[in-house]
PDB file of N, CA and C in Angstrom:
ATOM      1  N   UNK A   1     141.066 -24.848  22.985  1.00  0.00           N
ATOM      2  CA  UNK A   1     140.081 -24.067  21.878  1.00  0.00           C
ATOM      3  C   UNK A   1     138.636 -23.953  22.443  1.00  0.00           C
ATOM      4  N   UNK A   2     138.286 -25.156  23.147  1.00  0.00           N
ATOM      5  CA  UNK A   2     136.837 -24.936  23.456  1.00  0.00           C
ATOM      6  C   UNK A   2     136.503 -23.736  24.540  1.00  0.00           C
ATOM      7  N   UNK A   3     137.324 -23.456  25.353  1.00  0.00           N
ATOM      8  CA  UNK A   3     137.125 -22.524  26.240  1.00  0.00           C
ATOM      9  C   UNK A   3     137.034 -21.181  25.445  1.00  0.00           C
ATOM     10  N   UNK A   4     137.966 -20.772  24.583  1.00  0.00           N
ATOM     11  CA  UNK A   4     137.930 -19.598  23.700  1.00  0.00           C
ATOM     12  C   UNK A   4     136.475 -19.568  22.998  1.00  0.00           C
ATOM     13  N   UNK A   5     136.069 -20.552  22.421  1.00  0.00           N
ATOM     14  CA  UNK A   5     134.834 -20.692  21.749  1.00  0.00           C
ATOM     15  C   UNK A   5     133.484 -20.113  22.687  1.00  0.00           C
ATOM     16  N   UNK A   6     133.599 -20.709  24.031  1.00  0.00           N
ATOM     17  CA  UNK A   6     132.663 -20.227  24.857  1.00  0.00           C
ATOM     18  C   UNK A   6     132.580 -18.862  25.151  1.00  0.00           C
ATOM     19  N   UNK A   7     134.010 -18.530  25.420  1.00  0.00           N
ATOM     20  CA  UNK A   7     134.058 -17.054  25.591  1.00  0.00           C
ATOM     21  C   UNK A   7     133.601 -15.998  24.605  1.00  0.00           C
ATOM     22  N   UNK A   8     134.126 -16.459  23.432  1.00  0.00           N
ATOM     23  CA  UNK A   8     133.793 -15.564  22.264  1.00  0.00           C
ATOM     24  C   UNK A   8     132.112 -15.810  22.058  1.00  0.00           C
ATOM     25  N   UNK A   9     131.359 -16.658  22.382  1.00  0.00           N
ATOM     26  CA  UNK A   9     130.242 -16.694  22.192  1.00  0.00           C
ATOM     27  C   UNK A   9     129.297 -15.983  23.134  1.00  0.00           C
ATOM     28  N   UNK A  10     129.933 -15.830  24.333  1.00  0.00           N
ATOM     29  CA  UNK A  10     129.549 -14.788  25.518  1.00  0.00           C
ATOM     30  C   UNK A  10     129.526 -13.728  25.332  1.00  0.00           C
ATOM     31  N   UNK A  11     130.749 -13.195  24.609  1.00  0.00           N
ATOM     32  CA  UNK A  11     130.843 -11.704  24.362  1.00  0.00           C
ATOM     33  C   UNK A  11     129.995 -11.386  23.166  1.00  0.00           C
ATOM     34  N   UNK A  12     129.960 -12.342  22.274  1.00  0.00           N
ATOM     35  CA  UNK A  12     128.790 -11.723  21.027  1.00  0.00           C
ATOM     36  C   UNK A  12     127.478 -11.602  21.398  1.00  0.00           C
ATOM     37  N   UNK A  13     127.047 -12.622  22.350  1.00  0.00           N
ATOM     38  CA  UNK A  13     125.838 -12.721  23.130  1.00  0.00           C
ATOM     39  C   UNK A  13     125.573 -11.424  23.937  1.00  0.00           C
ATOM     40  N   UNK A  14     126.562 -11.011  24.665  1.00  0.00           N
ATOM     41  CA  UNK A  14     126.491  -9.593  25.585  1.00  0.00           C
ATOM     42  C   UNK A  14     126.312  -8.447  24.602  1.00  0.00           C
ATOM     43  N   UNK A  15     127.146  -8.618  23.523  1.00  0.00           N
ATOM     44  CA  UNK A  15     127.010  -7.097  22.706  1.00  0.00           C
ATOM     45  C   UNK A  15     125.703  -7.206  21.881  1.00  0.00           C
ATOM     46  N   UNK A  16     125.177  -8.390  21.639  1.00  0.00           N
ATOM     47  CA  UNK A  16     123.913  -8.508  20.894  1.00  0.00           C
ATOM     48  C   UNK A  16     122.748  -7.827  21.920  1.00  0.00           C
ATOM     49  N   UNK A  17     122.831  -8.394  23.135  1.00  0.00           N
ATOM     50  CA  UNK A  17     121.948  -7.796  24.332  1.00  0.00           C
ATOM     51  C   UNK A  17     122.030  -6.513  24.489  1.00  0.00           C
ATOM     52  N   UNK A  18     123.061  -5.967  24.556  1.00  0.00           N
ATOM     53  CA  UNK A  18     123.354  -4.331  24.633  1.00  0.00           C
ATOM     54  C   UNK A  18     122.747  -3.691  23.684  1.00  0.00           C
ATOM     55  N   UNK A  19     123.026  -4.069  22.322  1.00  0.00           N
ATOM     56  CA  UNK A  19     122.451  -3.589  21.200  1.00  0.00           C
ATOM     57  C   UNK A  19     120.892  -3.558  21.242  1.00  0.00           C
ATOM     58  N   UNK A  20     120.441  -4.659  21.704  1.00  0.00           N
ATOM     59  CA  UNK A  20     118.819  -4.602  21.690  1.00  0.00           C
ATOM     60  C   UNK A  20     118.346  -3.952  22.740  1.00  0.00           C
ATOM     61  N   UNK A  21     118.899  -3.737  23.906  1.00  0.00           N
ATOM     62  CA  UNK A  21     118.510  -2.741  24.780  1.00  0.00           C
ATOM     63  C   UNK A  21     118.478  -1.439  24.689  1.00  0.00           C
ATOM     64  N   UNK A  22     119.543  -1.116  23.847  1.00  0.00           N
ATOM     65  CA  UNK A  22     119.719   0.278  23.500  1.00  0.00           C
ATOM     66  C   UNK A  22     118.762   0.800  22.506  1.00  0.00           C
ATOM     67  N   UNK A  23     118.344  -0.173  21.638  1.00  0.00           N
ATOM     68  CA  UNK A  23     117.343   0.025  20.509  1.00  0.00           C
ATOM     69  C   UNK A  23     116.001   0.286  21.254  1.00  0.00           C
ATOM     70  N   UNK A  24     115.806  -0.479  22.433  1.00  0.00           N
ATOM     71  CA  UNK A  24     114.407  -0.417  22.999  1.00  0.00           C
ATOM     72  C   UNK A  24     114.367   0.881  23.914  1.00  0.00           C
ATOM     73  N   UNK A  25     115.414   0.989  24.682  1.00  0.00           N
ATOM     74  CA  UNK A  25     115.386   1.944  25.793  1.00  0.00           C
ATOM     75  C   UNK A  25     115.937   3.262  25.231  1.00  0.00           C
ATOM     76  N   UNK A  26     116.925   3.507  24.496  1.00  0.00           N
ATOM     77  CA  UNK A  26     117.769   4.544  24.350  1.00  0.00           C
ATOM     78  C   UNK A  26     117.969   4.640  22.786  1.00  0.00           C
ATOM     79  N   UNK A  27     117.039   4.563  21.833  1.00  0.00           N
ATOM     80  CA  UNK A  27     117.421   4.545  20.462  1.00  0.00           C
ATOM     81  C   UNK A  27     118.016   5.775  19.905  1.00  0.00           C
ATOM     82  N   UNK A  28     118.121   7.123  20.564  1.00  0.00           N
ATOM     83  CA  UNK A  28     118.802   8.129  20.130  1.00  0.00           C
ATOM     84  C   UNK A  28     120.327   8.045  20.273  1.00  0.00           C
ATOM     85  N   UNK A  29     120.557   7.257  21.242  1.00  0.00           N
ATOM     86  CA  UNK A  29     121.981   7.175  21.515  1.00  0.00           C
ATOM     87  C   UNK A  29     122.958   6.627  20.198  1.00  0.00           C
ATOM     88  N   UNK A  30     122.210   6.104  19.167  1.00  0.00           N
ATOM     89  CA  UNK A  30     122.867   5.687  17.994  1.00  0.00           C
ATOM     90  C   UNK A  30     123.075   6.776  17.147  1.00  0.00           C
ATOM     91  N   UNK A  31     122.316   7.881  17.456  1.00  0.00           N
ATOM     92  CA  UNK A  31     122.493   9.101  16.524  1.00  0.00           C
ATOM     93  C   UNK A  31     123.713   9.930  16.847  1.00  0.00           C
ATOM     94  N   UNK A  32     124.079   9.662  18.299  1.00  0.00           N
ATOM     95  CA  UNK A  32     125.128  10.521  18.801  1.00  0.00           C
ATOM     96  C   UNK A  32     126.397   9.793  18.694  1.00  0.00           C
ATOM     97  N   UNK A  33     126.499   8.524  19.122  1.00  0.00           N
ATOM     98  CA  UNK A  33     127.500   7.569  19.053  1.00  0.00           C
ATOM     99  C   UNK A  33     127.627   6.623  17.919  1.00  0.00           C
ATOM    100  N   UNK A  34     128.849   6.790  17.208  1.00  0.00           N
ATOM    101  CA  UNK A  34     128.850   5.689  16.061  1.00  0.00           C
ATOM    102  C   UNK A  34     128.943   4.245  16.569  1.00  0.00           C
ATOM    103  N   UNK A  35     129.939   4.071  17.615  1.00  0.00           N
ATOM    104  CA  UNK A  35     130.054   2.662  18.267  1.00  0.00           C
ATOM    105  C   UNK A  35     129.385   2.724  19.557  1.00  0.00           C
ATOM    106  N   UNK A  36     128.579   1.987  19.847  1.00  0.00           N
ATOM    107  CA  UNK A  36     128.031   1.607  21.202  1.00  0.00           C
ATOM    108  C   UNK A  36     128.845   1.200  22.231  1.00  0.00           C
ATOM    109  N   UNK A  37     129.704   0.378  21.683  1.00  0.00           N
ATOM    110  CA  UNK A  37     130.662  -0.195  22.692  1.00  0.00           C
ATOM    111  C   UNK A  37     131.981   0.822  22.994  1.00  0.00           C
ATOM    112  N   UNK A  38     132.083   2.068  22.540  1.00  0.00           N
ATOM    113  CA  UNK A  38     133.049   2.890  22.681  1.00  0.00           C
ATOM    114  C   UNK A  38     132.980   3.419  24.329  1.00  0.00           C
ATOM    115  N   UNK A  39     133.974   4.115  24.617  1.00  0.00           N
ATOM    116  CA  UNK A  39     134.237   4.653  25.874  1.00  0.00           C
ATOM    117  C   UNK A  39     133.256   5.694  26.148  1.00  0.00           C
ATOM    118  N   UNK A  40     132.994   6.552  25.251  1.00  0.00           N
ATOM    119  CA  UNK A  40     131.971   7.594  25.441  1.00  0.00           C
ATOM    120  C   UNK A  40     130.445   7.148  25.603  1.00  0.00           C
ATOM    121  N   UNK A  41     130.127   6.278  24.733  1.00  0.00           N
ATOM    122  CA  UNK A  41     128.942   5.582  24.835  1.00  0.00           C
ATOM    123  C   UNK A  41     128.719   4.941  26.184  1.00  0.00           C
ATOM    124  N   UNK A  42     129.569   3.984  26.655  1.00  0.00           N
ATOM    125  CA  UNK A  42     129.466   3.213  27.951  1.00  0.00           C
ATOM    126  C   UNK A  42     129.279   4.152  29.043  1.00  0.00           C
ATOM    127  N   UNK A  43     130.228   5.318  28.944  1.00  0.00           N
ATOM    128  CA  UNK A  43     130.191   6.565  29.962  1.00  0.00           C
ATOM    129  C   UNK A  43     128.734   7.072  30.075  1.00  0.00           C
ATOM    130  N   UNK A  44     128.254   7.382  29.092  1.00  0.00           N
ATOM    131  CA  UNK A  44     126.986   8.069  28.837  1.00  0.00           C
ATOM    132  C   UNK A  44     125.862   7.272  29.544  1.00  0.00           C
ATOM    133  N   UNK A  45     126.014   5.783  29.220  1.00  0.00           N
ATOM    134  CA  UNK A  45     124.928   4.943  29.847  1.00  0.00           C
ATOM    135  C   UNK A  45     125.221   4.613  31.095  1.00  0.00           C
ATOM    136  N   UNK A  46     126.519   4.744  31.607  1.00  0.00           N
ATOM    137  CA  UNK A  46     126.632   4.509  33.092  1.00  0.00           C
ATOM    138  C   UNK A  46     126.056   5.865  33.980  1.00  0.00           C
ATOM    139  N   UNK A  47     126.157   7.025  33.461  1.00  0.00           N
ATOM    140  CA  UNK A  47     125.889   8.312  33.928  1.00  0.00           C
ATOM    141  C   UNK A  47     124.420   8.497  33.889  1.00  0.00           C
ATOM    142  N   UNK A  48     123.926   8.404  32.616  1.00  0.00           N
ATOM    143  CA  UNK A  48     122.640   8.543  32.313  1.00  0.00           C
ATOM    144  C   UNK A  48     121.827   7.258  31.525  1.00  0.00           C
ATOM    145  N   UNK A  49     121.386   6.460  32.434  1.00  0.00           N
ATOM    146  CA  UNK A  49     120.730   5.199  31.765  1.00  0.00           C
ATOM    147  C   UNK A  49     119.367   5.347  31.240  1.00  0.00           C
ATOM    148  N   UNK A  50     118.845   6.532  31.046  1.00  0.00           N
ATOM    149  CA  UNK A  50     117.504   6.514  30.423  1.00  0.00           C
ATOM    150  C   UNK A  50     117.601   7.853  29.873  1.00  0.00           C
ATOM    151  N   UNK A  51     116.897   8.084  28.653  1.00  0.00           N
ATOM    152  CA  UNK A  51     116.815   9.375  28.091  1.00  0.00           C
ATOM    153  C   UNK A  51     116.014  10.346  28.797  1.00  0.00           C
ATOM    154  N   UNK A  52     115.130   9.996  29.924  1.00  0.00           N
ATOM    155  CA  UNK A  52     114.495  11.021  30.493  1.00  0.00           C
ATOM    156  C   UNK A  52     115.415  11.791  31.515  1.00  0.00           C
ATOM    157  N   UNK A  53     116.304  11.010  32.037  1.00  0.00           N
ATOM    158  CA  UNK A  53     117.292  11.700  32.912  1.00  0.00           C
ATOM    159  C   UNK A  53     118.263  12.438  32.118  1.00  0.00           C
ATOM    160  N   UNK A  54     118.403  12.244  30.931  1.00  0.00           N
ATOM    161  CA  UNK A  54     119.436  13.160  30.188  1.00  0.00           C
ATOM    162  C   UNK A  54     118.388  14.417  29.716  1.00  0.00           C
ATOM    163  N   UNK A  55     117.134  14.159  29.504  1.00  0.00           N
ATOM    164  CA  UNK A  55     116.400  15.305  29.025  1.00  0.00           C
ATOM    165  C   UNK A  55     116.056  16.461  29.968  1.00  0.00           C
ATOM    166  N   UNK A  56     116.256  15.964  31.368  1.00  0.00           N
ATOM    167  CA  UNK A  56     116.115  17.054  32.215  1.00  0.00           C
ATOM    168  C   UNK A  56     117.335  17.629  32.737  1.00  0.00           C
ATOM    169  N   UNK A  57     118.404  17.504  32.221  1.00  0.00           N
ATOM    170  CA  UNK A  57     119.695  18.122  32.420  1.00  0.00           C
ATOM    171  C   UNK A  57     120.084  19.173  31.338  1.00  0.00           C
ATOM    172  N   UNK A  58     120.687  19.964  31.917  1.00  0.00           N
ATOM    173  CA  UNK A  58     121.311  21.138  30.903  1.00  0.00           C
ATOM    174  C   UNK A  58     122.735  20.655  30.286  1.00  0.00           C
ATOM    175  N   UNK A  59     122.799  21.051  29.114  1.00  0.00           N
ATOM    176  CA  UNK A  59     124.236  20.815  28.372  1.00  0.00           C
ATOM    177  C   UNK A  59     125.439  20.679  29.236  1.00  0.00           C
ATOM    178  N   UNK A  60     125.755  21.568  29.981  1.00  0.00           N
ATOM    179  CA  UNK A  60     126.808  21.960  30.758  1.00  0.00           C
ATOM    180  C   UNK A  60     126.962  20.949  32.002  1.00  0.00           C
ATOM    181  N   UNK A  61     125.710  20.208  32.454  1.00  0.00           N
ATOM    182  CA  UNK A  61     125.813  19.024  33.352  1.00  0.00           C
ATOM    183  C   UNK A  61     126.056  17.824  32.748  1.00  0.00           C
ATOM    184  N   UNK A  62     125.661  17.729  31.634  1.00  0.00           N
ATOM    185  CA  UNK A  62     126.065  16.351  30.750  1.00  0.00           C
ATOM    186  C   UNK A  62     127.584  16.476  30.522  1.00  0.00           C
ATOM    187  N   UNK A  63     128.099  17.684  30.078  1.00  0.00           N
ATOM    188  CA  UNK A  63     129.609  17.601  30.002  1.00  0.00           C
ATOM    189  C   UNK A  63     130.233  17.519  31.342  1.00  0.00           C
ATOM    190  N   UNK A  64     129.789  17.963  32.472  1.00  0.00           N
ATOM    191  CA  UNK A  64     130.501  17.845  33.712  1.00  0.00           C
ATOM    192  C   UNK A  64     130.528  16.396  34.176  1.00  0.00           C
ATOM    193  N   UNK A  65     129.351  15.812  33.873  1.00  0.00           N
ATOM    194  CA  UNK A  65     129.145  14.248  33.912  1.00  0.00           C
ATOM    195  C   UNK A  65     130.490  13.346  33.250  1.00  0.00           C
ATOM    196  N   UNK A  66     130.460  13.816  31.985  1.00  0.00           N
ATOM    197  CA  UNK A  66     131.594  13.045  31.059  1.00  0.00           C
ATOM    198  C   UNK A  66     132.733  13.313  31.611  1.00  0.00           C
ATOM    199  N   UNK A  67     133.248  14.490  32.126  1.00  0.00           N
ATOM    200  CA  UNK A  67     134.594  14.873  32.694  1.00  0.00           C
ATOM    201  C   UNK A  67     134.798  13.893  33.807  1.00  0.00           C
ATOM    202  N   UNK A  68     133.905  13.645  34.597  1.00  0.00           N
ATOM    203  CA  UNK A  68     134.250  12.910  35.951  1.00  0.00           C
ATOM    204  C   UNK A  68     134.633  11.742  35.740  1.00  0.00           C
TER     205      UNK A  68
END
């Protein structure tokens, strides 16, 4: 039971850190994705970690990145 508590606390802490950094660096992401922990949001963050990178791309380039 003790190990489970530690794991749950770490998961919650990681999710809170992710939410905090999303709010600081990429707040627009919440307007696009309802759940930040979803596959689409995570894939977007891996491919385009900052709004500046995404702003310089054309929509078809973003879609191509999502498909890969």
